Protein backbone atom coordinates (compact mmCIF):
# COMPACT_ATOMS: atom_id res chain seq x y z
CA MET A 1 37.92 -39.79 134.27
CA LEU A 2 37.45 -38.53 130.70
CA ASP A 3 40.53 -40.48 129.64
CA GLU A 4 38.90 -43.67 130.92
CA VAL A 5 35.66 -42.92 129.07
CA SER A 6 37.62 -42.40 125.89
CA ALA A 7 39.55 -45.65 126.45
CA LEU A 8 36.29 -47.51 127.10
CA CYS A 9 34.71 -46.18 123.90
CA SER A 10 37.74 -47.24 121.87
CA HIS A 11 37.74 -50.65 123.54
CA LEU A 12 34.03 -51.20 122.83
CA GLU A 13 34.50 -50.14 119.21
CA SER A 14 37.29 -52.69 118.84
CA LEU A 15 35.08 -55.44 120.29
CA GLY A 16 32.10 -54.61 118.11
CA GLY A 17 33.99 -54.44 114.84
CA GLY A 18 31.59 -54.56 111.94
CA GLY A 19 28.58 -53.69 114.09
CA ALA A 20 28.49 -57.02 115.94
CA PRO A 21 26.65 -57.04 119.29
CA VAL A 22 28.85 -56.74 122.38
CA ASP A 23 28.12 -57.94 125.92
CA VAL A 24 29.08 -54.80 127.81
CA ARG A 25 28.36 -55.96 131.39
CA GLY A 26 31.92 -56.95 132.19
CA GLU A 27 33.41 -54.20 130.04
CA PHE A 28 31.76 -51.43 132.07
CA ASN A 29 33.02 -53.09 135.25
CA LEU A 30 36.56 -52.93 133.85
CA ALA A 31 36.21 -49.18 133.32
CA VAL A 32 34.80 -48.55 136.80
CA LEU A 33 37.50 -50.60 138.52
CA ASN A 34 40.18 -48.99 136.37
CA SER A 35 38.94 -45.52 137.34
CA LEU A 36 39.10 -46.43 141.03
CA TRP A 37 42.54 -47.99 140.55
CA ARG A 38 43.79 -44.82 138.90
CA ILE A 39 42.57 -42.72 141.83
CA LEU A 40 44.17 -45.05 144.40
CA ALA A 41 47.37 -46.10 142.63
CA GLY A 42 47.88 -43.30 140.10
CA ASP A 43 48.05 -45.77 137.22
CA ARG A 44 45.65 -47.61 134.93
CA LEU A 45 45.67 -51.11 133.54
CA GLY A 46 44.83 -52.09 129.97
CA TYR A 47 41.48 -53.77 129.39
CA GLN A 48 43.24 -56.97 128.36
CA ASP A 49 45.41 -57.04 131.51
CA ALA A 50 44.90 -60.40 133.24
CA ARG A 51 45.14 -58.83 136.71
CA LEU A 52 42.39 -56.32 135.98
CA ARG A 53 40.13 -59.01 134.51
CA ARG A 54 40.76 -61.25 137.54
CA MET A 55 39.94 -58.42 139.96
CA VAL A 56 36.65 -57.76 138.13
CA GLU A 57 35.83 -61.48 138.16
CA LEU A 58 36.47 -61.75 141.91
CA LEU A 59 34.54 -58.57 142.65
CA ASP A 60 31.60 -59.79 140.58
CA ARG A 61 31.57 -63.16 142.41
CA THR A 62 31.68 -61.38 145.75
CA LEU A 63 28.84 -59.01 144.85
CA VAL A 64 26.70 -61.88 143.57
CA SER A 65 27.30 -63.80 146.81
CA VAL A 66 26.57 -60.84 149.06
CA GLY A 67 23.78 -59.59 146.80
CA GLY A 68 22.06 -62.96 147.06
CA ILE A 69 21.90 -62.50 150.82
CA VAL A 70 20.69 -58.89 150.69
CA CYS A 71 18.53 -59.21 147.56
CA PRO A 72 17.75 -62.82 146.52
CA THR A 73 17.26 -61.89 142.85
CA TYR A 74 20.63 -60.09 142.44
CA GLY A 75 22.83 -61.72 139.83
CA THR A 76 20.17 -64.09 138.53
CA SER A 77 19.80 -62.52 135.09
């Protein structure tokens, strides 16, 4: 878990080079999914890995769809 936190911090620093603002919503999701993947599969994927990004995208779409049923304001920000 600490390895993933360290990887996330490095990743965010690389995105915000020069102090530019960074949209971290999707980036935190990458770290969470990567942590779960490491527990289940014993491996981690890089933050630029297309498979990891696709999984996060699909998961986000699913949660927005289901969240809209359970809580109509979920995903509207």
